[in-house]
Full PDB file with SEQRES, HELIX, SHEET, SSBOND, CRYST1, ORIGX, SCALE, CONECT and MASTER records, all heavy atoms in Angstrom:
SEQRES   1 A   37  GLY ARG LEU SER LEU ASN PRO LEU VAL HIS MET ASP PRO          
SEQRES   2 A   37  LEU GLY THR VAL ALA ILE PRO LEU LEU ALA VAL LEU THR          
SEQRES   3 A   37  GLY PHE PRO PHE LEU ILE GLY TYR ALA LYS PRO                  
HELIX    1 AA1 PRO A    7  HIS A   10  1                                   4    
HELIX    2 AA2 PRO A   13  ALA A   18  3                                   6    
HELIX    3 AA3 ILE A   19  THR A   26  1                                   8    
CRYST1    1.000    1.000    1.000  90.00  90.00  90.00 P 1           1          
ORIGX1      1.000000  0.000000  0.000000        0.00000                         
ORIGX2      0.000000  1.000000  0.000000        0.00000                         
ORIGX3      0.000000  0.000000  1.000000        0.00000                         
SCALE1      1.000000  0.000000  0.000000        0.00000                         
SCALE2      0.000000  1.000000  0.000000        0.00000                         
SCALE3      0.000000  0.000000  1.000000        0.00000                         
ATOM      1  N   GLY A   1       0.791  -1.231   0.000  1.00  0.00           N  
ATOM      2  CA  GLY A   1       0.000   0.000   0.000  1.00  0.00           C  
ATOM      3  C   GLY A   1       0.819   1.274   0.000  1.00  0.00           C  
ATOM      4  O   GLY A   1       0.326   2.339   0.392  1.00  0.00           O  
ATOM      5  N   ARG A   2       2.065   1.206  -0.486  1.00  0.00           N  
ATOM      6  CA  ARG A   2       2.946   2.371  -0.435  1.00  0.00           C  
ATOM      7  C   ARG A   2       2.982   3.173  -1.727  1.00  0.00           C  
ATOM      8  O   ARG A   2       3.697   4.174  -1.795  1.00  0.00           O  
ATOM      9  CB  ARG A   2       4.368   1.925  -0.067  1.00  0.00           C  
ATOM     10  CG  ARG A   2       4.471   1.186   1.255  1.00  0.00           C  
ATOM     11  CD  ARG A   2       3.965   2.009   2.443  1.00  0.00           C  
ATOM     12  NE  ARG A   2       4.766   3.196   2.655  1.00  0.00           N  
ATOM     13  CZ  ARG A   2       5.919   3.210   3.316  1.00  0.00           C  
ATOM     14  NH1 ARG A   2       6.395   2.091   3.839  1.00  0.00           N  
ATOM     15  NH2 ARG A   2       6.584   4.341   3.480  1.00  0.00           N  
ATOM     16  N   LEU A   3       2.236   2.742  -2.746  1.00  0.00           N  
ATOM     17  CA  LEU A   3       2.161   3.533  -3.980  1.00  0.00           C  
ATOM     18  C   LEU A   3       1.128   4.638  -3.782  1.00  0.00           C  
ATOM     19  O   LEU A   3       0.022   4.594  -4.313  1.00  0.00           O  
ATOM     20  CB  LEU A   3       1.778   2.645  -5.167  1.00  0.00           C  
ATOM     21  CG  LEU A   3       2.855   1.743  -5.752  1.00  0.00           C  
ATOM     22  CD1 LEU A   3       2.302   0.947  -6.922  1.00  0.00           C  
ATOM     23  CD2 LEU A   3       4.055   2.575  -6.207  1.00  0.00           C  
ATOM     24  N   SER A   4       1.509   5.647  -3.024  1.00  0.00           N  
ATOM     25  CA  SER A   4       0.561   6.694  -2.666  1.00  0.00           C  
ATOM     26  C   SER A   4       1.311   7.973  -2.313  1.00  0.00           C  
ATOM     27  O   SER A   4       2.443   7.929  -1.805  1.00  0.00           O  
ATOM     28  CB  SER A   4      -0.292   6.245  -1.471  1.00  0.00           C  
ATOM     29  OG  SER A   4      -1.124   7.293  -1.023  1.00  0.00           O  
ATOM     30  N   LEU A   5       0.651   9.115  -2.571  1.00  0.00           N  
ATOM     31  CA  LEU A   5       1.174  10.407  -2.141  1.00  0.00           C  
ATOM     32  C   LEU A   5       0.453  10.893  -0.888  1.00  0.00           C  
ATOM     33  O   LEU A   5       0.609  12.050  -0.490  1.00  0.00           O  
ATOM     34  CB  LEU A   5       1.021  11.439  -3.273  1.00  0.00           C  
ATOM     35  CG  LEU A   5       1.790  11.133  -4.556  1.00  0.00           C  
ATOM     36  CD1 LEU A   5       1.552  12.216  -5.596  1.00  0.00           C  
ATOM     37  CD2 LEU A   5       3.289  10.991  -4.274  1.00  0.00           C  
ATOM     38  N   ASN A   6      -0.304  10.009  -0.269  1.00  0.00           N  
ATOM     39  CA  ASN A   6      -0.998  10.332   0.976  1.00  0.00           C  
ATOM     40  C   ASN A   6      -0.007  10.227   2.133  1.00  0.00           C  
ATOM     41  O   ASN A   6       0.519   9.144   2.408  1.00  0.00           O  
ATOM     42  CB  ASN A   6      -2.157   9.356   1.185  1.00  0.00           C  
ATOM     43  CG  ASN A   6      -2.919   9.619   2.468  1.00  0.00           C  
ATOM     44  OD1 ASN A   6      -2.564  10.482   3.266  1.00  0.00           O  
ATOM     45  ND2 ASN A   6      -3.985   8.867   2.677  1.00  0.00           N  
ATOM     46  N   PRO A   7       0.285  11.319   2.845  1.00  0.00           N  
ATOM     47  CA  PRO A   7       1.261  11.269   3.945  1.00  0.00           C  
ATOM     48  C   PRO A   7       0.922  10.234   5.013  1.00  0.00           C  
ATOM     49  O   PRO A   7       1.823   9.656   5.623  1.00  0.00           O  
ATOM     50  CB  PRO A   7       1.212  12.687   4.533  1.00  0.00           C  
ATOM     51  CG  PRO A   7       0.704  13.547   3.418  1.00  0.00           C  
ATOM     52  CD  PRO A   7      -0.240  12.679   2.638  1.00  0.00           C  
ATOM     53  N   LEU A   8      -0.373   9.976   5.230  1.00  0.00           N  
ATOM     54  CA  LEU A   8      -0.774   9.033   6.268  1.00  0.00           C  
ATOM     55  C   LEU A   8      -0.276   7.620   5.979  1.00  0.00           C  
ATOM     56  O   LEU A   8      -0.039   6.834   6.898  1.00  0.00           O  
ATOM     57  CB  LEU A   8      -2.297   9.027   6.421  1.00  0.00           C  
ATOM     58  CG  LEU A   8      -2.922  10.337   6.909  1.00  0.00           C  
ATOM     59  CD1 LEU A   8      -4.446  10.215   6.934  1.00  0.00           C  
ATOM     60  CD2 LEU A   8      -2.398  10.716   8.284  1.00  0.00           C  
ATOM     61  N   VAL A   9      -0.112   7.312   4.698  1.00  0.00           N  
ATOM     62  CA  VAL A   9       0.368   5.982   4.297  1.00  0.00           C  
ATOM     63  C   VAL A   9       1.823   5.782   4.715  1.00  0.00           C  
ATOM     64  O   VAL A   9       2.249   4.668   5.023  1.00  0.00           O  
ATOM     65  CB  VAL A   9       0.208   5.798   2.780  1.00  0.00           C  
ATOM     66  CG1 VAL A   9       0.914   4.541   2.301  1.00  0.00           C  
ATOM     67  CG2 VAL A   9      -1.266   5.754   2.403  1.00  0.00           C  
ATOM     68  N   HIS A  10       2.577   6.860   4.726  1.00  0.00           N  
ATOM     69  CA  HIS A  10       4.018   6.775   4.960  1.00  0.00           C  
ATOM     70  C   HIS A  10       4.437   7.183   6.373  1.00  0.00           C  
ATOM     71  O   HIS A  10       5.598   7.005   6.747  1.00  0.00           O  
ATOM     72  CB  HIS A  10       4.751   7.659   3.942  1.00  0.00           C  
ATOM     73  CG  HIS A  10       4.443   7.329   2.522  1.00  0.00           C  
ATOM     74  ND1 HIS A  10       4.959   6.214   1.884  1.00  0.00           N  
ATOM     75  CD2 HIS A  10       3.647   7.947   1.604  1.00  0.00           C  
ATOM     76  CE1 HIS A  10       4.512   6.175   0.631  1.00  0.00           C  
ATOM     77  NE2 HIS A  10       3.714   7.200   0.439  1.00  0.00           N  
ATOM     78  N   MET A  11       3.518   7.731   7.154  1.00  0.00           N  
ATOM     79  CA  MET A  11       3.868   8.254   8.472  1.00  0.00           C  
ATOM     80  C   MET A  11       4.279   7.154   9.449  1.00  0.00           C  
ATOM     81  O   MET A  11       3.718   6.067   9.446  1.00  0.00           O  
ATOM     82  CB  MET A  11       2.690   9.044   9.067  1.00  0.00           C  
ATOM     83  CG  MET A  11       2.504  10.421   8.483  1.00  0.00           C  
ATOM     84  SD  MET A  11       1.107  11.300   9.228  1.00  0.00           S  
ATOM     85  CE  MET A  11       1.686  11.469  10.921  1.00  0.00           C  
ATOM     86  N   ASP A  12       5.249   7.500  10.277  1.00  0.00           N  
ATOM     87  CA  ASP A  12       5.652   6.654  11.392  1.00  0.00           C  
ATOM     88  C   ASP A  12       5.461   7.488  12.662  1.00  0.00           C  
ATOM     89  O   ASP A  12       5.982   8.617  12.735  1.00  0.00           O  
ATOM     90  CB  ASP A  12       7.120   6.251  11.240  1.00  0.00           C  
ATOM     91  CG  ASP A  12       7.622   5.445  12.415  1.00  0.00           C  
ATOM     92  OD1 ASP A  12       7.504   4.215  12.363  1.00  0.00           O  
ATOM     93  OD2 ASP A  12       8.134   6.049  13.384  1.00  0.00           O  
ATOM     94  N   PRO A  13       4.715   7.001  13.657  1.00  0.00           N  
ATOM     95  CA  PRO A  13       4.420   7.823  14.842  1.00  0.00           C  
ATOM     96  C   PRO A  13       5.668   8.390  15.511  1.00  0.00           C  
ATOM     97  O   PRO A  13       5.669   9.546  15.949  1.00  0.00           O  
ATOM     98  CB  PRO A  13       3.678   6.844  15.766  1.00  0.00           C  
ATOM     99  CG  PRO A  13       3.069   5.840  14.844  1.00  0.00           C  
ATOM    100  CD  PRO A  13       4.055   5.679  13.721  1.00  0.00           C  
ATOM    101  N   LEU A  14       6.715   7.595  15.570  1.00  0.00           N  
ATOM    102  CA  LEU A  14       7.947   8.065  16.204  1.00  0.00           C  
ATOM    103  C   LEU A  14       8.736   8.990  15.288  1.00  0.00           C  
ATOM    104  O   LEU A  14       9.065  10.121  15.646  1.00  0.00           O  
ATOM    105  CB  LEU A  14       8.812   6.862  16.612  1.00  0.00           C  
ATOM    106  CG  LEU A  14      10.137   7.185  17.314  1.00  0.00           C  
ATOM    107  CD1 LEU A  14       9.885   7.890  18.643  1.00  0.00           C  
ATOM    108  CD2 LEU A  14      10.953   5.910  17.523  1.00  0.00           C  
ATOM    109  N   GLY A  15       9.028   8.501  14.074  1.00  0.00           N  
ATOM    110  CA  GLY A  15       9.912   9.238  13.176  1.00  0.00           C  
ATOM    111  C   GLY A  15       9.288  10.446  12.515  1.00  0.00           C  
ATOM    112  O   GLY A  15       9.989  11.404  12.173  1.00  0.00           O  
ATOM    113  N   THR A  16       7.968  10.430  12.306  1.00  0.00           N  
ATOM    114  CA  THR A  16       7.303  11.526  11.591  1.00  0.00           C  
ATOM    115  C   THR A  16       6.632  12.520  12.525  1.00  0.00           C  
ATOM    116  O   THR A  16       6.292  13.621  12.107  1.00  0.00           O  
ATOM    117  CB  THR A  16       6.258  10.956  10.603  1.00  0.00           C  
ATOM    118  OG1 THR A  16       6.810   9.832   9.915  1.00  0.00           O  
ATOM    119  CG2 THR A  16       5.846  11.988   9.573  1.00  0.00           C  
ATOM    120  N   VAL A  17       6.454  12.150  13.778  1.00  0.00           N  
ATOM    121  CA  VAL A  17       5.765  13.037  14.720  1.00  0.00           C  
ATOM    122  C   VAL A  17       6.630  13.337  15.945  1.00  0.00           C  
ATOM    123  O   VAL A  17       7.033  14.485  16.168  1.00  0.00           O  
ATOM    124  CB  VAL A  17       4.411  12.428  15.177  1.00  0.00           C  
ATOM    125  CG1 VAL A  17       3.713  13.372  16.159  1.00  0.00           C  
ATOM    126  CG2 VAL A  17       3.515  12.138  13.980  1.00  0.00           C  
ATOM    127  N   ALA A  18       6.947  12.315  16.731  1.00  0.00           N  
ATOM    128  CA  ALA A  18       7.598  12.534  18.021  1.00  0.00           C  
ATOM    129  C   ALA A  18       9.016  13.115  17.886  1.00  0.00           C  
ATOM    130  O   ALA A  18       9.348  14.127  18.529  1.00  0.00           O  
ATOM    131  CB  ALA A  18       7.634  11.226  18.809  1.00  0.00           C  
ATOM    132  N   ILE A  19       9.848  12.491  17.051  1.00  0.00           N  
ATOM    133  CA  ILE A  19      11.242  12.940  16.928  1.00  0.00           C  
ATOM    134  C   ILE A  19      11.345  14.345  16.333  1.00  0.00           C  
ATOM    135  O   ILE A  19      12.093  15.185  16.866  1.00  0.00           O  
ATOM    136  CB  ILE A  19      12.069  11.921  16.117  1.00  0.00           C  
ATOM    137  CG1 ILE A  19      12.259  10.644  16.942  1.00  0.00           C  
ATOM    138  CG2 ILE A  19      13.425  12.500  15.720  1.00  0.00           C  
ATOM    139  CD1 ILE A  19      13.012   9.541  16.220  1.00  0.00           C  
ATOM    140  N   PRO A  20      10.612  14.678  15.252  1.00  0.00           N  
ATOM    141  CA  PRO A  20      10.680  16.049  14.737  1.00  0.00           C  
ATOM    142  C   PRO A  20      10.224  17.090  15.755  1.00  0.00           C  
ATOM    143  O   PRO A  20      10.838  18.158  15.877  1.00  0.00           O  
ATOM    144  CB  PRO A  20       9.746  16.022  13.521  1.00  0.00           C  
ATOM    145  CG  PRO A  20       9.729  14.602  13.096  1.00  0.00           C  
ATOM    146  CD  PRO A  20       9.833  13.800  14.358  1.00  0.00           C  
ATOM    147  N   LEU A  21       9.144  16.806  16.503  1.00  0.00           N  
ATOM    148  CA  LEU A  21       8.683  17.748  17.529  1.00  0.00           C  
ATOM    149  C   LEU A  21       9.741  17.943  18.606  1.00  0.00           C  
ATOM    150  O   LEU A  21      10.010  19.072  19.042  1.00  0.00           O  
ATOM    151  CB  LEU A  21       7.382  17.245  18.159  1.00  0.00           C  
ATOM    152  CG  LEU A  21       6.109  17.437  17.339  1.00  0.00           C  
ATOM    153  CD1 LEU A  21       4.920  16.778  18.039  1.00  0.00           C  
ATOM    154  CD2 LEU A  21       5.820  18.921  17.100  1.00  0.00           C  
ATOM    155  N   LEU A  22      10.365  16.857  19.015  1.00  0.00           N  
ATOM    156  CA  LEU A  22      11.414  16.948  20.023  1.00  0.00           C  
ATOM    157  C   LEU A  22      12.596  17.756  19.509  1.00  0.00           C  
ATOM    158  O   LEU A  22      13.187  18.562  20.248  1.00  0.00           O  
ATOM    159  CB  LEU A  22      11.869  15.537  20.422  1.00  0.00           C  
ATOM    160  CG  LEU A  22      12.917  15.443  21.544  1.00  0.00           C  
ATOM    161  CD1 LEU A  22      12.345  15.997  22.842  1.00  0.00           C  
ATOM    162  CD2 LEU A  22      13.365  13.992  21.733  1.00  0.00           C  
ATOM    163  N   ALA A  23      12.945  17.566  18.232  1.00  0.00           N  
ATOM    164  CA  ALA A  23      14.064  18.304  17.634  1.00  0.00           C  
ATOM    165  C   ALA A  23      13.785  19.800  17.632  1.00  0.00           C  
ATOM    166  O   ALA A  23      14.658  20.622  17.936  1.00  0.00           O  
ATOM    167  CB  ALA A  23      14.316  17.805  16.215  1.00  0.00           C  
ATOM    168  N   VAL A  24      12.546  20.192  17.300  1.00  0.00           N  
ATOM    169  CA  VAL A  24      12.177  21.611  17.277  1.00  0.00           C  
ATOM    170  C   VAL A  24      12.202  22.195  18.685  1.00  0.00           C  
ATOM    171  O   VAL A  24      12.764  23.272  18.927  1.00  0.00           O  
ATOM    172  CB  VAL A  24      10.782  21.802  16.642  1.00  0.00           C  
ATOM    173  CG1 VAL A  24      10.320  23.252  16.796  1.00  0.00           C  
ATOM    174  CG2 VAL A  24      10.801  21.410  15.175  1.00  0.00           C  
ATOM    175  N   LEU A  25      11.595  21.501  19.623  1.00  0.00           N  
ATOM    176  CA  LEU A  25      11.462  22.017  20.985  1.00  0.00           C  
ATOM    177  C   LEU A  25      12.800  22.111  21.709  1.00  0.00           C  
ATOM    178  O   LEU A  25      12.977  22.959  22.594  1.00  0.00           O  
ATOM    179  CB  LEU A  25      10.493  21.145  21.781  1.00  0.00           C  
ATOM    180  CG  LEU A  25       9.030  21.174  21.303  1.00  0.00           C  
ATOM    181  CD1 LEU A  25       8.193  20.167  22.082  1.00  0.00           C  
ATOM    182  CD2 LEU A  25       8.449  22.581  21.430  1.00  0.00           C  
ATOM    183  N   THR A  26      13.753  21.253  21.334  1.00  0.00           N  
ATOM    184  CA  THR A  26      15.058  21.269  22.003  1.00  0.00           C  
ATOM    185  C   THR A  26      16.098  22.082  21.242  1.00  0.00           C  
ATOM    186  O   THR A  26      17.239  22.208  21.704  1.00  0.00           O  
ATOM    187  CB  THR A  26      15.585  19.837  22.194  1.00  0.00           C  
ATOM    188  OG1 THR A  26      15.688  19.189  20.913  1.00  0.00           O  
ATOM    189  CG2 THR A  26      14.653  19.035  23.102  1.00  0.00           C  
ATOM    190  N   GLY A  27      15.731  22.626  20.078  1.00  0.00           N  
ATOM    191  CA  GLY A  27      16.674  23.430  19.307  1.00  0.00           C  
ATOM    192  C   GLY A  27      17.781  22.623  18.666  1.00  0.00           C  
ATOM    193  O   GLY A  27      18.897  23.112  18.474  1.00  0.00           O  
ATOM    194  N   PHE A  28      17.484  21.368  18.282  1.00  0.00           N  
ATOM    195  CA  PHE A  28      18.470  20.511  17.624  1.00  0.00           C  
ATOM    196  C   PHE A  28      18.921  21.177  16.324  1.00  0.00           C  
ATOM    197  O   PHE A  28      18.131  21.868  15.671  1.00  0.00           O  
ATOM    198  CB  PHE A  28      17.848  19.146  17.339  1.00  0.00           C  
ATOM    199  CG  PHE A  28      18.829  18.065  17.076  1.00  0.00           C  
ATOM    200  CD1 PHE A  28      19.554  17.506  18.105  1.00  0.00           C  
ATOM    201  CD2 PHE A  28      19.048  17.583  15.778  1.00  0.00           C  
ATOM    202  CE1 PHE A  28      20.485  16.489  17.875  1.00  0.00           C  
ATOM    203  CE2 PHE A  28      19.971  16.584  15.532  1.00  0.00           C  
ATOM    204  CZ  PHE A  28      20.687  16.032  16.580  1.00  0.00           C  
ATOM    205  N   PRO A  29      20.201  21.019  15.935  1.00  0.00           N  
ATOM    206  CA  PRO A  29      20.710  21.713  14.741  1.00  0.00           C  
ATOM    207  C   PRO A  29      19.926  21.444  13.464  1.00  0.00           C  
ATOM    208  O   PRO A  29      19.882  22.274  12.565  1.00  0.00           O  
ATOM    209  CB  PRO A  29      22.143  21.170  14.619  1.00  0.00           C  
ATOM    210  CG  PRO A  29      22.507  20.754  15.994  1.00  0.00           C  
ATOM    211  CD  PRO A  29      21.247  20.268  16.626  1.00  0.00           C  
ATOM    212  N   PHE A  30      19.324  20.250  13.346  1.00  0.00           N  
ATOM    213  CA  PHE A  30      18.541  19.901  12.174  1.00  0.00           C  
ATOM    214  C   PHE A  30      17.173  19.407  12.606  1.00  0.00           C  
ATOM    215  O   PHE A  30      17.011  18.883  13.705  1.00  0.00           O  
ATOM    216  CB  PHE A  30      19.202  18.782  11.355  1.00  0.00           C  
ATOM    217  CG  PHE A  30      20.560  19.111  10.842  1.00  0.00           C  
ATOM    218  CD1 PHE A  30      21.680  18.562  11.434  1.00  0.00           C  
ATOM    219  CD2 PHE A  30      20.723  19.951   9.771  1.00  0.00           C  
ATOM    220  CE1 PHE A  30      22.944  18.843  10.961  1.00  0.00           C  
ATOM    221  CE2 PHE A  30      21.979  20.238   9.286  1.00  0.00           C  
ATOM    222  CZ  PHE A  30      23.101  19.687   9.896  1.00  0.00           C  
ATOM    223  N   LEU A  31      16.192  19.588  11.727  1.00  0.00           N  
ATOM    224  CA  LEU A  31      14.912  18.925  11.947  1.00  0.00           C  
ATOM    225  C   LEU A  31      15.079  17.493  11.450  1.00  0.00           C  
ATOM    226  O   LEU A  31      15.154  17.246  10.251  1.00  0.00           O  
ATOM    227  CB  LEU A  31      13.785  19.614  11.181  1.00  0.00           C  
ATOM    228  CG  LEU A  31      12.408  18.963  11.349  1.00  0.00           C  
ATOM    229  CD1 LEU A  31      11.969  19.000  12.812  1.00  0.00           C  
ATOM    230  CD2 LEU A  31      11.370  19.652  10.478  1.00  0.00           C  
ATOM    231  N   ILE A  32      15.188  16.571  12.369  1.00  0.00           N  
ATOM    232  CA  ILE A  32      15.407  15.183  12.000  1.00  0.00           C  
ATOM    233  C   ILE A  32      14.100  14.409  12.084  1.00  0.00           C  
ATOM    234  O   ILE A  32      13.193  14.772  12.826  1.00  0.00           O  
ATOM    235  CB  ILE A  32      16.482  14.520  12.884  1.00  0.00           C  
ATOM    236  CG1 ILE A  32      16.088  14.623  14.365  1.00  0.00           C  
ATOM    237  CG2 ILE A  32      17.840  15.147  12.647  1.00  0.00           C  
ATOM    238  CD1 ILE A  32      17.020  13.872  15.296  1.00  0.00           C  
ATOM    239  N   GLY A  33      14.014  13.369  11.316  1.00  0.00           N  
ATOM    240  CA  GLY A  33      12.823  12.538  11.314  1.00  0.00           C  
ATOM    241  C   GLY A  33      12.816  11.645  10.094  1.00  0.00           C  
ATOM    242  O   GLY A  33      13.713  11.719   9.248  1.00  0.00           O  
ATOM    243  N   TYR A  34      11.807  10.804  10.004  1.00  0.00           N  
ATOM    244  CA  TYR A  34      11.745   9.865   8.893  1.00  0.00           C  
ATOM    245  C   TYR A  34      10.331   9.317   8.766  1.00  0.00           C  
ATOM    246  O   TYR A  34       9.503   9.458   9.678  1.00  0.00           O  
ATOM    247  CB  TYR A  34      12.719   8.704   9.110  1.00  0.00           C  
ATOM    248  CG  TYR A  34      12.536   7.985  10.430  1.00  0.00           C  
ATOM    249  CD1 TYR A  34      11.635   6.927  10.570  1.00  0.00           C  
ATOM    250  CD2 TYR A  34      13.266   8.365  11.559  1.00  0.00           C  
ATOM    251  CE1 TYR A  34      11.456   6.275  11.779  1.00  0.00           C  
ATOM    252  CE2 TYR A  34      13.100   7.712  12.775  1.00  0.00           C  
ATOM    253  CZ  TYR A  34      12.195   6.677  12.885  1.00  0.00           C  
ATOM    254  OH  TYR A  34      12.018   6.038  14.076  1.00  0.00           O  
ATOM    255  N   ALA A  35      10.064   8.722   7.637  1.00  0.00           N  
ATOM    256  CA  ALA A  35       8.812   8.000   7.423  1.00  0.00           C  
ATOM    257  C   ALA A  35       9.113   6.502   7.455  1.00  0.00           C  
ATOM    258  O   ALA A  35      10.273   6.094   7.587  1.00  0.00           O  
ATOM    259  CB  ALA A  35       8.196   8.392   6.077  1.00  0.00           C  
ATOM    260  N   LYS A  36       8.076   5.692   7.349  1.00  0.00           N  
ATOM    261  CA  LYS A  36       8.292   4.247   7.300  1.00  0.00           C  
ATOM    262  C   LYS A  36       9.071   3.899   6.031  1.00  0.00           C  
ATOM    263  O   LYS A  36       8.685   4.312   4.935  1.00  0.00           O  
ATOM    264  CB  LYS A  36       6.952   3.507   7.295  1.00  0.00           C  
ATOM    265  CG  LYS A  36       6.177   3.586   8.583  1.00  0.00           C  
ATOM    266  CD  LYS A  36       4.920   2.738   8.532  1.00  0.00           C  
ATOM    267  CE  LYS A  36       3.931   3.269   7.499  1.00  0.00           C  
ATOM    268  NZ  LYS A  36       2.650   2.507   7.515  1.00  0.00           N  
ATOM    269  N   PRO A  37      10.171   3.166   6.166  1.00  0.00           N  
ATOM    270  CA  PRO A  37      10.924   2.789   4.964  1.00  0.00           C  
ATOM    271  C   PRO A  37      10.073   1.911   4.033  1.00  0.00           C  
ATOM    272  O   PRO A  37       9.275   1.090   4.498  1.00  0.00           O  
ATOM    273  CB  PRO A  37      12.104   1.984   5.523  1.00  0.00           C  
ATOM    274  CG  PRO A  37      12.201   2.381   6.959  1.00  0.00           C  
ATOM    275  CD  PRO A  37      10.806   2.683   7.398  1.00  0.00           C  
TER     276      PRO A  37                                                      
MASTER        0    0    0    3    0    0    0    6  275    1    0    3          
END                                                                             
């Protein structure tokens, strides 16, 4: 089901939500994160 441009298909709760938010709130040098491989 990955042949899609729908972000929900590719989102990973940790890599697409939690880690990027933490990076922003802590002032990390880069906005880091990822989707499901």
